[in-house]
Protein backbone atom coordinates (compact mmCIF):
# COMPACT_ATOMS: atom_id res chain seq x y z
CA UNK A 1 0.00 0.00 0.00
CA UNK A 2 1.02 3.62 -0.38
CA UNK A 3 1.14 6.11 2.50
CA UNK A 4 1.92 9.83 2.48
CA UNK A 5 3.19 11.79 5.45
CA UNK A 6 2.58 15.54 5.33
CA UNK A 7 5.49 17.27 7.05
CA UNK A 8 5.41 20.38 9.26
CA UNK A 9 7.50 22.31 6.71
CA UNK A 10 4.85 21.78 4.02
CA UNK A 11 6.71 18.95 2.31
CA UNK A 12 5.51 15.39 1.83
CA UNK A 13 7.07 11.96 1.92
CA UNK A 14 5.37 9.04 0.18
CA UNK A 15 6.36 5.39 0.41
CA UNK A 16 5.18 1.90 -0.43
CA UNK A 17 4.50 -0.08 2.75
CA UNK A 18 4.09 -3.83 3.08
CA UNK A 19 0.88 -5.21 4.58
CA UNK A 20 1.23 -5.79 8.31
CA UNK A 21 3.83 -3.06 8.85
CA UNK A 22 3.03 -0.42 11.44
CA UNK A 23 2.97 3.15 10.22
CA UNK A 24 5.62 3.97 12.85
CA UNK A 25 7.99 1.35 11.45
CA UNK A 26 7.24 2.51 7.90
CA UNK A 27 8.03 6.11 8.90
CA UNK A 28 11.29 5.12 10.58
CA UNK A 29 12.29 2.92 7.62
CA UNK A 30 11.63 5.81 5.25
CA UNK A 31 13.33 8.49 7.37
CA UNK A 32 10.20 10.55 7.94
CA UNK A 33 11.28 13.57 10.00
CA UNK A 34 9.47 13.93 13.33
CA UNK A 35 8.60 10.24 13.75
CA UNK A 36 11.08 8.73 16.17
CA UNK A 37 9.44 5.55 17.47
CA UNK A 38 11.67 5.62 20.52
CA UNK A 39 10.02 2.59 22.18
CA UNK A 40 10.06 0.53 18.97
CA UNK A 41 6.30 0.27 18.81
CA UNK A 42 5.64 -1.14 22.28
CA UNK A 43 3.12 1.60 23.11
CA UNK A 44 5.26 3.03 25.88
CA UNK A 45 6.01 6.47 24.45
CA UNK A 46 4.34 8.97 22.16
CA UNK A 47 7.22 9.75 19.79
CA UNK A 48 5.28 8.40 16.79
CA UNK A 49 2.30 10.72 17.26
CA UNK A 50 0.52 11.68 14.03
CA UNK A 51 -2.71 13.29 12.95
CA UNK A 52 -4.79 11.12 10.65
CA UNK A 53 -6.11 13.07 7.66
CA UNK A 54 -9.85 13.56 8.11
CA UNK A 55 -10.67 11.53 4.99
CA UNK A 56 -9.09 8.47 6.65
CA UNK A 57 -10.38 8.71 10.23
CA UNK A 58 -13.14 6.11 9.83
CA UNK A 59 -10.82 3.58 8.21
CA UNK A 60 -8.00 3.82 10.76
CA UNK A 61 -10.29 3.31 13.74
CA UNK A 62 -10.15 4.85 17.18
CA UNK A 63 -7.45 4.64 19.80
CA UNK A 64 -8.00 2.05 22.52
CA UNK A 65 -7.87 3.09 26.18
CA UNK A 66 -4.11 2.56 26.56
CA UNK A 67 -3.23 4.43 23.36
CA UNK A 68 -5.64 7.17 24.43
CA UNK A 69 -3.75 7.57 27.71
CA UNK A 70 -0.38 7.66 25.91
CA UNK A 71 -1.63 10.40 23.60
CA UNK A 72 -2.09 12.59 26.69
CA UNK A 73 1.72 12.74 27.04
CA UNK A 74 2.48 13.50 23.39
CA UNK A 75 4.73 16.51 22.92
CA UNK A 76 2.59 18.08 20.19
CA UNK A 77 -0.98 19.28 20.64
CA UNK A 78 -3.48 16.46 20.90
CA UNK A 79 -6.38 16.60 18.44
CA UNK A 80 -9.43 14.45 17.71
CA UNK A 81 -7.43 12.97 14.80
CA UNK A 82 -4.39 12.09 16.96
CA UNK A 83 -3.09 8.54 16.86
CA UNK A 84 0.14 6.76 17.66
CA UNK A 85 1.37 5.52 14.32
CA UNK A 86 2.67 2.31 15.91
CA UNK A 87 -0.97 1.33 16.36
CA UNK A 88 -1.98 1.74 12.69
CA UNK A 89 -1.12 -1.29 10.60
CA UNK A 90 -0.81 -1.29 6.82
CA UNK A 91 -3.51 -3.18 4.94
CA UNK A 92 -5.21 -2.93 1.56
CA UNK A 93 -8.09 -0.86 2.98
CA UNK A 94 -5.60 1.88 3.88
CA UNK A 95 -3.94 2.18 0.46
CA UNK A 96 -3.39 5.91 -0.09
CA UNK A 97 -3.45 6.77 3.64
CA UNK A 98 -2.42 10.32 4.55
CA UNK A 99 -0.83 11.05 7.93
CA UNK A 100 0.17 14.48 9.17
CA UNK A 101 3.34 14.84 11.25
CA UNK A 102 2.67 17.35 14.06
CA UNK A 103 4.75 20.46 14.62
CA UNK A 104 6.92 19.74 17.68
PDB file of N, CA and C in Angstrom:
ATOM      1  N   UNK A   1       0.832  -1.180   0.000  1.00  0.00           N
ATOM      2  CA  UNK A   1       0.000   0.000   0.000  1.00  0.00           C
ATOM      3  C   UNK A   1       0.874   1.239   0.000  1.00  0.00           C
ATOM      4  N   UNK A   2       0.293   2.362  -0.374  1.00  0.00           N
ATOM      5  CA  UNK A   2       1.022   3.621  -0.376  1.00  0.00           C
ATOM      6  C   UNK A   2       0.528   4.482   0.777  1.00  0.00           C
ATOM      7  N   UNK A   3       1.476   5.168   1.428  1.00  0.00           N
ATOM      8  CA  UNK A   3       1.140   6.109   2.497  1.00  0.00           C
ATOM      9  C   UNK A   3       1.912   7.406   2.261  1.00  0.00           C
ATOM     10  N   UNK A   4       1.276   8.515   2.589  1.00  0.00           N
ATOM     11  CA  UNK A   4       1.917   9.826   2.481  1.00  0.00           C
ATOM     12  C   UNK A   4       1.904  10.499   3.844  1.00  0.00           C
ATOM     13  N   UNK A   5       3.062  10.997   4.238  1.00  0.00           N
ATOM     14  CA  UNK A   5       3.191  11.792   5.447  1.00  0.00           C
ATOM     15  C   UNK A   5       3.329  13.249   5.025  1.00  0.00           C
ATOM     16  N   UNK A   6       2.462  14.105   5.547  1.00  0.00           N
ATOM     17  CA  UNK A   6       2.580  15.540   5.332  1.00  0.00           C
ATOM     18  C   UNK A   6       3.443  16.096   6.457  1.00  0.00           C
ATOM     19  N   UNK A   7       4.492  16.797   6.093  1.00  0.00           N
ATOM     20  CA  UNK A   7       5.487  17.265   7.049  1.00  0.00           C
ATOM     21  C   UNK A   7       5.195  18.689   7.523  1.00  0.00           C
ATOM     22  N   UNK A   8       5.664  19.048   8.715  1.00  0.00           N
ATOM     23  CA  UNK A   8       5.409  20.380   9.256  1.00  0.00           C
ATOM     24  C   UNK A   8       5.916  21.517   8.369  1.00  0.00           C
ATOM     25  N   UNK A   9       6.952  21.257   7.570  1.00  0.00           N
ATOM     26  CA  UNK A   9       7.505  22.308   6.712  1.00  0.00           C
ATOM     27  C   UNK A   9       6.738  22.469   5.400  1.00  0.00           C
ATOM     28  N   UNK A  10       5.647  21.710   5.240  1.00  0.00           N
ATOM     29  CA  UNK A  10       4.848  21.783   4.020  1.00  0.00           C
ATOM     30  C   UNK A  10       5.213  20.729   2.995  1.00  0.00           C
ATOM     31  N   UNK A  11       6.296  20.018   3.213  1.00  0.00           N
ATOM     32  CA  UNK A  11       6.707  18.948   2.306  1.00  0.00           C
ATOM     33  C   UNK A  11       5.910  17.679   2.552  1.00  0.00           C
ATOM     34  N   UNK A  12       6.152  16.699   1.710  1.00  0.00           N
ATOM     35  CA  UNK A  12       5.506  15.394   1.833  1.00  0.00           C
ATOM     36  C   UNK A  12       6.521  14.297   1.579  1.00  0.00           C
ATOM     37  N   UNK A  13       6.256  13.154   2.170  1.00  0.00           N
ATOM     38  CA  UNK A  13       7.068  11.963   1.921  1.00  0.00           C
ATOM     39  C   UNK A  13       6.091  10.826   1.663  1.00  0.00           C
ATOM     40  N   UNK A  14       6.247  10.142   0.539  1.00  0.00           N
ATOM     41  CA  UNK A  14       5.366   9.045   0.177  1.00  0.00           C
ATOM     42  C   UNK A  14       6.200   7.776   0.026  1.00  0.00           C
ATOM     43  N   UNK A  15       5.642   6.651   0.482  1.00  0.00           N
ATOM     44  CA  UNK A  15       6.364   5.386   0.407  1.00  0.00           C
ATOM     45  C   UNK A  15       5.393   4.232   0.216  1.00  0.00           C
ATOM     46  N   UNK A  16       5.899   3.174  -0.356  1.00  0.00           N
ATOM     47  CA  UNK A  16       5.181   1.902  -0.433  1.00  0.00           C
ATOM     48  C   UNK A  16       5.453   1.155   0.868  1.00  0.00           C
ATOM     49  N   UNK A  17       4.392   0.595   1.449  1.00  0.00           N
ATOM     50  CA  UNK A  17       4.502  -0.078   2.745  1.00  0.00           C
ATOM     51  C   UNK A  17       3.888  -1.466   2.625  1.00  0.00           C
ATOM     52  N   UNK A  18       4.590  -2.461   3.128  1.00  0.00           N
ATOM     53  CA  UNK A  18       4.087  -3.831   3.079  1.00  0.00           C
ATOM     54  C   UNK A  18       2.963  -4.042   4.079  1.00  0.00           C
ATOM     55  N   UNK A  19       1.987  -4.845   3.694  1.00  0.00           N
ATOM     56  CA  UNK A  19       0.880  -5.210   4.575  1.00  0.00           C
ATOM     57  C   UNK A  19       1.429  -5.755   5.884  1.00  0.00           C
ATOM     58  N   UNK A  20       0.829  -5.318   6.991  1.00  0.00           N
ATOM     59  CA  UNK A  20       1.232  -5.787   8.309  1.00  0.00           C
ATOM     60  C   UNK A  20       2.259  -4.909   8.998  1.00  0.00           C
ATOM     61  N   UNK A  21       2.838  -3.960   8.276  1.00  0.00           N
ATOM     62  CA  UNK A  21       3.830  -3.060   8.853  1.00  0.00           C
ATOM     63  C   UNK A  21       3.128  -1.919   9.573  1.00  0.00           C
ATOM     64  N   UNK A  22       3.620  -1.565  10.753  1.00  0.00           N
ATOM     65  CA  UNK A  22       3.032  -0.417  11.444  1.00  0.00           C
ATOM     66  C   UNK A  22       3.466   0.862  10.741  1.00  0.00           C
ATOM     67  N   UNK A  23       2.631   1.873  10.843  1.00  0.00           N
ATOM     68  CA  UNK A  23       2.965   3.153  10.221  1.00  0.00           C
ATOM     69  C   UNK A  23       4.172   3.788  10.898  1.00  0.00           C
ATOM     70  N   UNK A  24       4.414   3.487  12.172  1.00  0.00           N
ATOM     71  CA  UNK A  24       5.617   3.969  12.851  1.00  0.00           C
ATOM     72  C   UNK A  24       6.851   3.351  12.223  1.00  0.00           C
ATOM     73  N   UNK A  25       6.830   2.031  12.028  1.00  0.00           N
ATOM     74  CA  UNK A  25       7.985   1.350  11.445  1.00  0.00           C
ATOM     75  C   UNK A  25       8.208   1.821  10.012  1.00  0.00           C
ATOM     76  N   UNK A  26       7.127   2.009   9.278  1.00  0.00           N
ATOM     77  CA  UNK A  26       7.242   2.506   7.900  1.00  0.00           C
ATOM     78  C   UNK A  26       7.867   3.895   7.889  1.00  0.00           C
ATOM     79  N   UNK A  27       7.467   4.755   8.829  1.00  0.00           N
ATOM     80  CA  UNK A  27       8.026   6.107   8.900  1.00  0.00           C
ATOM     81  C   UNK A  27       9.512   6.067   9.235  1.00  0.00           C
ATOM     82  N   UNK A  28       9.886   5.246  10.205  1.00  0.00           N
ATOM     83  CA  UNK A  28      11.291   5.121  10.582  1.00  0.00           C
ATOM     84  C   UNK A  28      12.101   4.565   9.415  1.00  0.00           C
ATOM     85  N   UNK A  29      11.583   3.523   8.756  1.00  0.00           N
ATOM     86  CA  UNK A  29      12.291   2.917   7.620  1.00  0.00           C
ATOM     87  C   UNK A  29      12.483   3.892   6.472  1.00  0.00           C
ATOM     88  N   UNK A  30      11.574   4.857   6.354  1.00  0.00           N
ATOM     89  CA  UNK A  30      11.626   5.815   5.246  1.00  0.00           C
ATOM     90  C   UNK A  30      12.116   7.198   5.683  1.00  0.00           C
ATOM     91  N   UNK A  31      12.725   7.260   6.864  1.00  0.00           N
ATOM     92  CA  UNK A  31      13.334   8.494   7.369  1.00  0.00           C
ATOM     93  C   UNK A  31      12.384   9.686   7.357  1.00  0.00           C
ATOM     94  N   UNK A  32      11.169   9.460   7.846  1.00  0.00           N
ATOM     95  CA  UNK A  32      10.201  10.547   7.938  1.00  0.00           C
ATOM     96  C   UNK A  32      10.573  11.422   9.139  1.00  0.00           C
ATOM     97  N   UNK A  33      10.904  12.690   8.892  1.00  0.00           N
ATOM     98  CA  UNK A  33      11.282  13.570  10.001  1.00  0.00           C
ATOM     99  C   UNK A  33      10.132  13.736  10.996  1.00  0.00           C
ATOM    100  N   UNK A  34      10.471  13.713  12.286  1.00  0.00           N
ATOM    101  CA  UNK A  34       9.474  13.928  13.328  1.00  0.00           C
ATOM    102  C   UNK A  34       8.846  12.667  13.870  1.00  0.00           C
ATOM    103  N   UNK A  35       9.097  11.522  13.235  1.00  0.00           N
ATOM    104  CA  UNK A  35       8.602  10.239  13.747  1.00  0.00           C
ATOM    105  C   UNK A  35       9.814   9.469  14.253  1.00  0.00           C
ATOM    106  N   UNK A  36       9.898   9.340  15.566  1.00  0.00           N
ATOM    107  CA  UNK A  36      11.079   8.728  16.171  1.00  0.00           C
ATOM    108  C   UNK A  36      10.842   7.256  16.491  1.00  0.00           C
ATOM    109  N   UNK A  37       9.709   6.937  17.089  1.00  0.00           N
ATOM    110  CA  UNK A  37       9.438   5.554  17.466  1.00  0.00           C
ATOM    111  C   UNK A  37      10.415   5.064  18.508  1.00  0.00           C
ATOM    112  N   UNK A  38      10.666   5.900  19.495  1.00  0.00           N
ATOM    113  CA  UNK A  38      11.671   5.621  20.519  1.00  0.00           C
ATOM    114  C   UNK A  38      11.494   4.268  21.203  1.00  0.00           C
ATOM    115  N   UNK A  39      10.254   3.851  21.458  1.00  0.00           N
ATOM    116  CA  UNK A  39      10.019   2.594  22.176  1.00  0.00           C
ATOM    117  C   UNK A  39       9.957   1.399  21.230  1.00  0.00           C
ATOM    118  N   UNK A  40      10.074   1.631  19.927  1.00  0.00           N
ATOM    119  CA  UNK A  40      10.057   0.532  18.970  1.00  0.00           C
ATOM    120  C   UNK A  40       8.674  -0.024  18.711  1.00  0.00           C
ATOM    121  N   UNK A  41       7.661   0.713  19.083  1.00  0.00           N
ATOM    122  CA  UNK A  41       6.296   0.266  18.815  1.00  0.00           C
ATOM    123  C   UNK A  41       5.655  -0.515  19.936  1.00  0.00           C
ATOM    124  N   UNK A  42       6.188  -0.393  21.142  1.00  0.00           N
ATOM    125  CA  UNK A  42       5.637  -1.144  22.275  1.00  0.00           C
ATOM    126  C   UNK A  42       4.581  -0.363  23.048  1.00  0.00           C
ATOM    127  N   UNK A  43       4.167   0.773  22.504  1.00  0.00           N
ATOM    128  CA  UNK A  43       3.117   1.599  23.110  1.00  0.00           C
ATOM    129  C   UNK A  43       3.524   2.111  24.486  1.00  0.00           C
ATOM    130  N   UNK A  44       4.807   2.491  24.603  1.00  0.00           N
ATOM    131  CA  UNK A  44       5.263   3.026  25.881  1.00  0.00           C
ATOM    132  C   UNK A  44       5.870   4.424  25.742  1.00  0.00           C
ATOM    133  N   UNK A  45       5.611   5.073  24.626  1.00  0.00           N
ATOM    134  CA  UNK A  45       6.012   6.466  24.445  1.00  0.00           C
ATOM    135  C   UNK A  45       5.025   7.084  23.463  1.00  0.00           C
ATOM    136  N   UNK A  46       5.236   8.312  23.118  1.00  0.00           N
ATOM    137  CA  UNK A  46       4.343   8.969  22.159  1.00  0.00           C
ATOM    138  C   UNK A  46       5.144   9.660  21.059  1.00  0.00           C
ATOM    139  N   UNK A  47       6.328   9.117  20.764  1.00  0.00           N
ATOM    140  CA  UNK A  47       7.215   9.746  19.789  1.00  0.00           C
ATOM    141  C   UNK A  47       6.876   9.380  18.342  1.00  0.00           C
ATOM    142  N   UNK A  48       5.755   8.712  18.154  1.00  0.00           N
ATOM    143  CA  UNK A  48       5.281   8.401  16.794  1.00  0.00           C
ATOM    144  C   UNK A  48       3.909   9.018  16.555  1.00  0.00           C
ATOM    145  N   UNK A  49       3.580  10.034  17.338  1.00  0.00           N
ATOM    146  CA  UNK A  49       2.299  10.723  17.259  1.00  0.00           C
ATOM    147  C   UNK A  49       2.092  11.323  15.874  1.00  0.00           C
ATOM    148  N   UNK A  50       0.919  11.084  15.308  1.00  0.00           N
ATOM    149  CA  UNK A  50       0.524  11.680  14.031  1.00  0.00           C
ATOM    150  C   UNK A  50      -0.924  12.126  14.114  1.00  0.00           C
ATOM    151  N   UNK A  51      -1.315  12.958  13.161  1.00  0.00           N
ATOM    152  CA  UNK A  51      -2.714  13.291  12.950  1.00  0.00           C
ATOM    153  C   UNK A  51      -3.148  12.545  11.706  1.00  0.00           C
ATOM    154  N   UNK A  52      -4.253  11.832  11.812  1.00  0.00           N
ATOM    155  CA  UNK A  52      -4.794  11.122  10.646  1.00  0.00           C
ATOM    156  C   UNK A  52      -5.609  12.127   9.833  1.00  0.00           C
ATOM    157  N   UNK A  53      -5.336  12.189   8.536  1.00  0.00           N
ATOM    158  CA  UNK A  53      -6.106  13.067   7.665  1.00  0.00           C
ATOM    159  C   UNK A  53      -7.586  12.723   7.811  1.00  0.00           C
ATOM    160  N   UNK A  54      -8.429  13.754   7.846  1.00  0.00           N
ATOM    161  CA  UNK A  54      -9.854  13.557   8.110  1.00  0.00           C
ATOM    162  C   UNK A  54     -10.518  12.543   7.184  1.00  0.00           C
ATOM    163  N   UNK A  55     -10.081  12.465   5.952  1.00  0.00           N
ATOM    164  CA  UNK A  55     -10.673  11.528   4.994  1.00  0.00           C
ATOM    165  C   UNK A  55     -10.422  10.072   5.382  1.00  0.00           C
ATOM    166  N   UNK A  56      -9.484   9.834   6.286  1.00  0.00           N
ATOM    167  CA  UNK A  56      -9.085   8.472   6.654  1.00  0.00           C
ATOM    168  C   UNK A  56      -9.487   8.086   8.077  1.00  0.00           C
ATOM    169  N   UNK A  57     -10.081   8.983   8.823  1.00  0.00           N
ATOM    170  CA  UNK A  57     -10.384   8.710  10.232  1.00  0.00           C
ATOM    171  C   UNK A  57     -11.226   7.456  10.442  1.00  0.00           C
ATOM    172  N   UNK A  58     -12.272   7.280   9.657  1.00  0.00           N
ATOM    173  CA  UNK A  58     -13.144   6.113   9.834  1.00  0.00           C
ATOM    174  C   UNK A  58     -12.425   4.808   9.550  1.00  0.00           C
ATOM    175  N   UNK A  59     -11.500   4.821   8.608  1.00  0.00           N
ATOM    176  CA  UNK A  59     -10.818   3.585   8.208  1.00  0.00           C
ATOM    177  C   UNK A  59      -9.673   3.198   9.140  1.00  0.00           C
ATOM    178  N   UNK A  60      -9.099   4.158   9.849  1.00  0.00           N
ATOM    179  CA  UNK A  60      -7.996   3.820  10.756  1.00  0.00           C
ATOM    180  C   UNK A  60      -8.485   3.406  12.134  1.00  0.00           C
ATOM    181  N   UNK A  61      -9.731   3.699  12.452  1.00  0.00           N
ATOM    182  CA  UNK A  61     -10.287   3.308  13.739  1.00  0.00           C
ATOM    183  C   UNK A  61      -9.896   4.270  14.845  1.00  0.00           C
ATOM    184  N   UNK A  62     -10.389   3.993  16.011  1.00  0.00           N
ATOM    185  CA  UNK A  62     -10.147   4.847  17.177  1.00  0.00           C
ATOM    186  C   UNK A  62      -9.061   4.248  18.061  1.00  0.00           C
ATOM    187  N   UNK A  63      -8.446   5.099  18.835  1.00  0.00           N
ATOM    188  CA  UNK A  63      -7.446   4.642  19.800  1.00  0.00           C
ATOM    189  C   UNK A  63      -8.129   3.853  20.903  1.00  0.00           C
ATOM    190  N   UNK A  64      -7.474   2.774  21.360  1.00  0.00           N
ATOM    191  CA  UNK A  64      -8.004   2.052  22.519  1.00  0.00           C
ATOM    192  C   UNK A  64      -7.642   2.837  23.779  1.00  0.00           C
ATOM    193  N   UNK A  65      -8.056   2.356  24.930  1.00  0.00           N
ATOM    194  CA  UNK A  65      -7.865   3.086  26.179  1.00  0.00           C
ATOM    195  C   UNK A  65      -6.395   3.360  26.488  1.00  0.00           C
ATOM    196  N   UNK A  66      -5.526   2.371  26.234  1.00  0.00           N
ATOM    197  CA  UNK A  66      -4.111   2.555  26.557  1.00  0.00           C
ATOM    198  C   UNK A  66      -3.468   3.572  25.620  1.00  0.00           C
ATOM    199  N   UNK A  67      -3.761   3.456  24.318  1.00  0.00           N
ATOM    200  CA  UNK A  67      -3.235   4.434  23.361  1.00  0.00           C
ATOM    201  C   UNK A  67      -3.765   5.822  23.703  1.00  0.00           C
ATOM    202  N   UNK A  68      -5.033   5.903  24.065  1.00  0.00           N
ATOM    203  CA  UNK A  68      -5.643   7.172  24.432  1.00  0.00           C
ATOM    204  C   UNK A  68      -4.870   7.826  25.582  1.00  0.00           C
ATOM    205  N   UNK A  69      -4.509   7.047  26.574  1.00  0.00           N
ATOM    206  CA  UNK A  69      -3.747   7.568  27.713  1.00  0.00           C
ATOM    207  C   UNK A  69      -2.355   8.032  27.280  1.00  0.00           C
ATOM    208  N   UNK A  70      -1.713   7.285  26.392  1.00  0.00           N
ATOM    209  CA  UNK A  70      -0.378   7.664  25.915  1.00  0.00           C
ATOM    210  C   UNK A  70      -0.427   8.954  25.107  1.00  0.00           C
ATOM    211  N   UNK A  71      -1.505   9.174  24.385  1.00  0.00           N
ATOM    212  CA  UNK A  71      -1.635  10.404  23.600  1.00  0.00           C
ATOM    213  C   UNK A  71      -1.670  11.644  24.496  1.00  0.00           C
ATOM    214  N   UNK A  72      -2.074  11.472  25.750  1.00  0.00           N
ATOM    215  CA  UNK A  72      -2.085  12.588  26.691  1.00  0.00           C
ATOM    216  C   UNK A  72      -0.689  13.115  26.991  1.00  0.00           C
ATOM    217  N   UNK A  73       0.344  12.304  26.758  1.00  0.00           N
ATOM    218  CA  UNK A  73       1.717  12.741  27.041  1.00  0.00           C
ATOM    219  C   UNK A  73       2.491  13.092  25.779  1.00  0.00           C
ATOM    220  N   UNK A  74       1.817  13.124  24.646  1.00  0.00           N
ATOM    221  CA  UNK A  74       2.479  13.495  23.395  1.00  0.00           C
ATOM    222  C   UNK A  74       2.979  14.931  23.486  1.00  0.00           C
ATOM    223  N   UNK A  75       4.130  15.178  22.885  1.00  0.00           N
ATOM    224  CA  UNK A  75       4.726  16.514  22.922  1.00  0.00           C
ATOM    225  C   UNK A  75       3.878  17.542  22.173  1.00  0.00           C
ATOM    226  N   UNK A  76       3.382  17.164  20.997  1.00  0.00           N
ATOM    227  CA  UNK A  76       2.586  18.084  20.187  1.00  0.00           C
ATOM    228  C   UNK A  76       1.136  18.107  20.677  1.00  0.00           C
ATOM    229  N   UNK A  77       0.430  19.132  20.274  1.00  0.00           N
ATOM    230  CA  UNK A  77      -0.977  19.279  20.640  1.00  0.00           C
ATOM    231  C   UNK A  77      -1.771  18.036  20.256  1.00  0.00           C
ATOM    232  N   UNK A  78      -2.594  17.585  21.176  1.00  0.00           N
ATOM    233  CA  UNK A  78      -3.476  16.456  20.896  1.00  0.00           C
ATOM    234  C   UNK A  78      -4.740  16.972  20.212  1.00  0.00           C
ATOM    235  N   UNK A  79      -5.165  16.249  19.179  1.00  0.00           N
ATOM    236  CA  UNK A  79      -6.378  16.601  18.441  1.00  0.00           C
ATOM    237  C   UNK A  79      -7.280  15.374  18.360  1.00  0.00           C
ATOM    238  N   UNK A  80      -8.494  15.572  17.883  1.00  0.00           N
ATOM    239  CA  UNK A  80      -9.427  14.454  17.708  1.00  0.00           C
ATOM    240  C   UNK A  80      -8.868  13.425  16.725  1.00  0.00           C
ATOM    241  N   UNK A  81      -8.008  13.862  15.814  1.00  0.00           N
ATOM    242  CA  UNK A  81      -7.433  12.968  14.802  1.00  0.00           C
ATOM    243  C   UNK A  81      -6.097  12.365  15.231  1.00  0.00           C
ATOM    244  N   UNK A  82      -5.676  12.600  16.480  1.00  0.00           N
ATOM    245  CA  UNK A  82      -4.393  12.086  16.962  1.00  0.00           C
ATOM    246  C   UNK A  82      -4.410  10.573  17.103  1.00  0.00           C
ATOM    247  N   UNK A  83      -3.320   9.971  16.669  1.00  0.00           N
ATOM    248  CA  UNK A  83      -3.087   8.536  16.856  1.00  0.00           C
ATOM    249  C   UNK A  83      -1.596   8.326  17.051  1.00  0.00           C
ATOM    250  N   UNK A  84      -1.246   7.209  17.648  1.00  0.00           N
ATOM    251  CA  UNK A  84       0.140   6.760  17.663  1.00  0.00           C
ATOM    252  C   UNK A  84       0.307   5.881  16.437  1.00  0.00           C
ATOM    253  N   UNK A  85       1.255   6.236  15.592  1.00  0.00           N
ATOM    254  CA  UNK A  85       1.374   5.521  14.321  1.00  0.00           C
ATOM    255  C   UNK A  85       1.809   4.069  14.488  1.00  0.00           C
ATOM    256  N   UNK A  86       2.326   3.714  15.651  1.00  0.00           N
ATOM    257  CA  UNK A  86       2.674   2.310  15.908  1.00  0.00           C
ATOM    258  C   UNK A  86       1.425   1.435  16.015  1.00  0.00           C
ATOM    259  N   UNK A  87       0.276   2.067  16.191  1.00  0.00           N
ATOM    260  CA  UNK A  87      -0.971   1.326  16.356  1.00  0.00           C
ATOM    261  C   UNK A  87      -1.820   1.277  15.085  1.00  0.00           C
ATOM    262  N   UNK A  88      -1.293   1.807  13.981  1.00  0.00           N
ATOM    263  CA  UNK A  88      -1.979   1.745  12.691  1.00  0.00           C
ATOM    264  C   UNK A  88      -1.176   0.811  11.802  1.00  0.00           C
ATOM    265  N   UNK A  89      -1.799  -0.269  11.381  1.00  0.00           N
ATOM    266  CA  UNK A  89      -1.119  -1.287  10.598  1.00  0.00           C
ATOM    267  C   UNK A  89      -1.537  -1.224   9.131  1.00  0.00           C
ATOM    268  N   UNK A  90      -0.559  -1.343   8.263  1.00  0.00           N
ATOM    269  CA  UNK A  90      -0.813  -1.290   6.816  1.00  0.00           C
ATOM    270  C   UNK A  90      -1.684  -2.463   6.381  1.00  0.00           C
ATOM    271  N   UNK A  91      -2.717  -2.152   5.621  1.00  0.00           N
ATOM    272  CA  UNK A  91      -3.510  -3.178   4.945  1.00  0.00           C
ATOM    273  C   UNK A  91      -4.133  -2.564   3.697  1.00  0.00           C
ATOM    274  N   UNK A  92      -4.703  -3.391   2.855  1.00  0.00           N
ATOM    275  CA  UNK A  92      -5.214  -2.930   1.564  1.00  0.00           C
ATOM    276  C   UNK A  92      -6.277  -1.852   1.701  1.00  0.00           C
ATOM    277  N   UNK A  93      -7.051  -1.866   2.781  1.00  0.00           N
ATOM    278  CA  UNK A  93      -8.091  -0.859   2.980  1.00  0.00           C
ATOM    279  C   UNK A  93      -7.511   0.531   3.244  1.00  0.00           C
ATOM    280  N   UNK A  94      -6.229   0.605   3.577  1.00  0.00           N
ATOM    281  CA  UNK A  94      -5.601   1.884   3.878  1.00  0.00           C
ATOM    282  C   UNK A  94      -4.691   2.376   2.754  1.00  0.00           C
ATOM    283  N   UNK A  95      -4.768   1.750   1.583  1.00  0.00           N
ATOM    284  CA  UNK A  95      -3.937   2.183   0.458  1.00  0.00           C
ATOM    285  C   UNK A  95      -4.249   3.637   0.113  1.00  0.00           C
ATOM    286  N   UNK A  96      -3.219   4.478   0.167  1.00  0.00           N
ATOM    287  CA  UNK A  96      -3.388   5.909  -0.089  1.00  0.00           C
ATOM    288  C   UNK A  96      -3.485   6.732   1.186  1.00  0.00           C
ATOM    289  N   UNK A  97      -3.339   6.103   2.336  1.00  0.00           N
ATOM    290  CA  UNK A  97      -3.447   6.765   3.639  1.00  0.00           C
ATOM    291  C   UNK A  97      -2.588   8.028   3.708  1.00  0.00           C
ATOM    292  N   UNK A  98      -3.134   9.065   4.339  1.00  0.00           N
ATOM    293  CA  UNK A  98      -2.417  10.320   4.553  1.00  0.00           C
ATOM    294  C   UNK A  98      -2.324  10.571   6.058  1.00  0.00           C
ATOM    295  N   UNK A  99      -1.099  10.738   6.534  1.00  0.00           N
ATOM    296  CA  UNK A  99      -0.831  11.046   7.930  1.00  0.00           C
ATOM    297  C   UNK A  99      -0.107  12.386   8.004  1.00  0.00           C
ATOM    298  N   UNK A 100      -0.411  13.156   9.015  1.00  0.00           N
ATOM    299  CA  UNK A 100       0.173  14.478   9.173  1.00  0.00           C
ATOM    300  C   UNK A 100       1.108  14.440  10.383  1.00  0.00           C
ATOM    301  N   UNK A 101       2.358  14.804  10.169  1.00  0.00           N
ATOM    302  CA  UNK A 101       3.336  14.837  11.249  1.00  0.00           C
ATOM    303  C   UNK A 101       3.174  16.167  11.990  1.00  0.00           C
ATOM    304  N   UNK A 102       2.910  16.115  13.306  1.00  0.00           N
ATOM    305  CA  UNK A 102       2.670  17.352  14.061  1.00  0.00           C
ATOM    306  C   UNK A 102       3.923  18.225  14.162  1.00  0.00           C
ATOM    307  N   UNK A 103       3.659  19.504  14.327  1.00  0.00           N
ATOM    308  CA  UNK A 103       4.745  20.460  14.615  1.00  0.00           C
ATOM    309  C   UNK A 103       5.185  20.209  16.062  1.00  0.00           C
ATOM    310  N   UNK A 104       6.482  19.993  16.299  1.00  0.00           N
ATOM    311  CA  UNK A 104       6.916  19.736  17.676  1.00  0.00           C
ATOM    312  C   UNK A 104       6.741  20.933  18.590  1.00  0.00           C
TER     313      UNK A 104
END
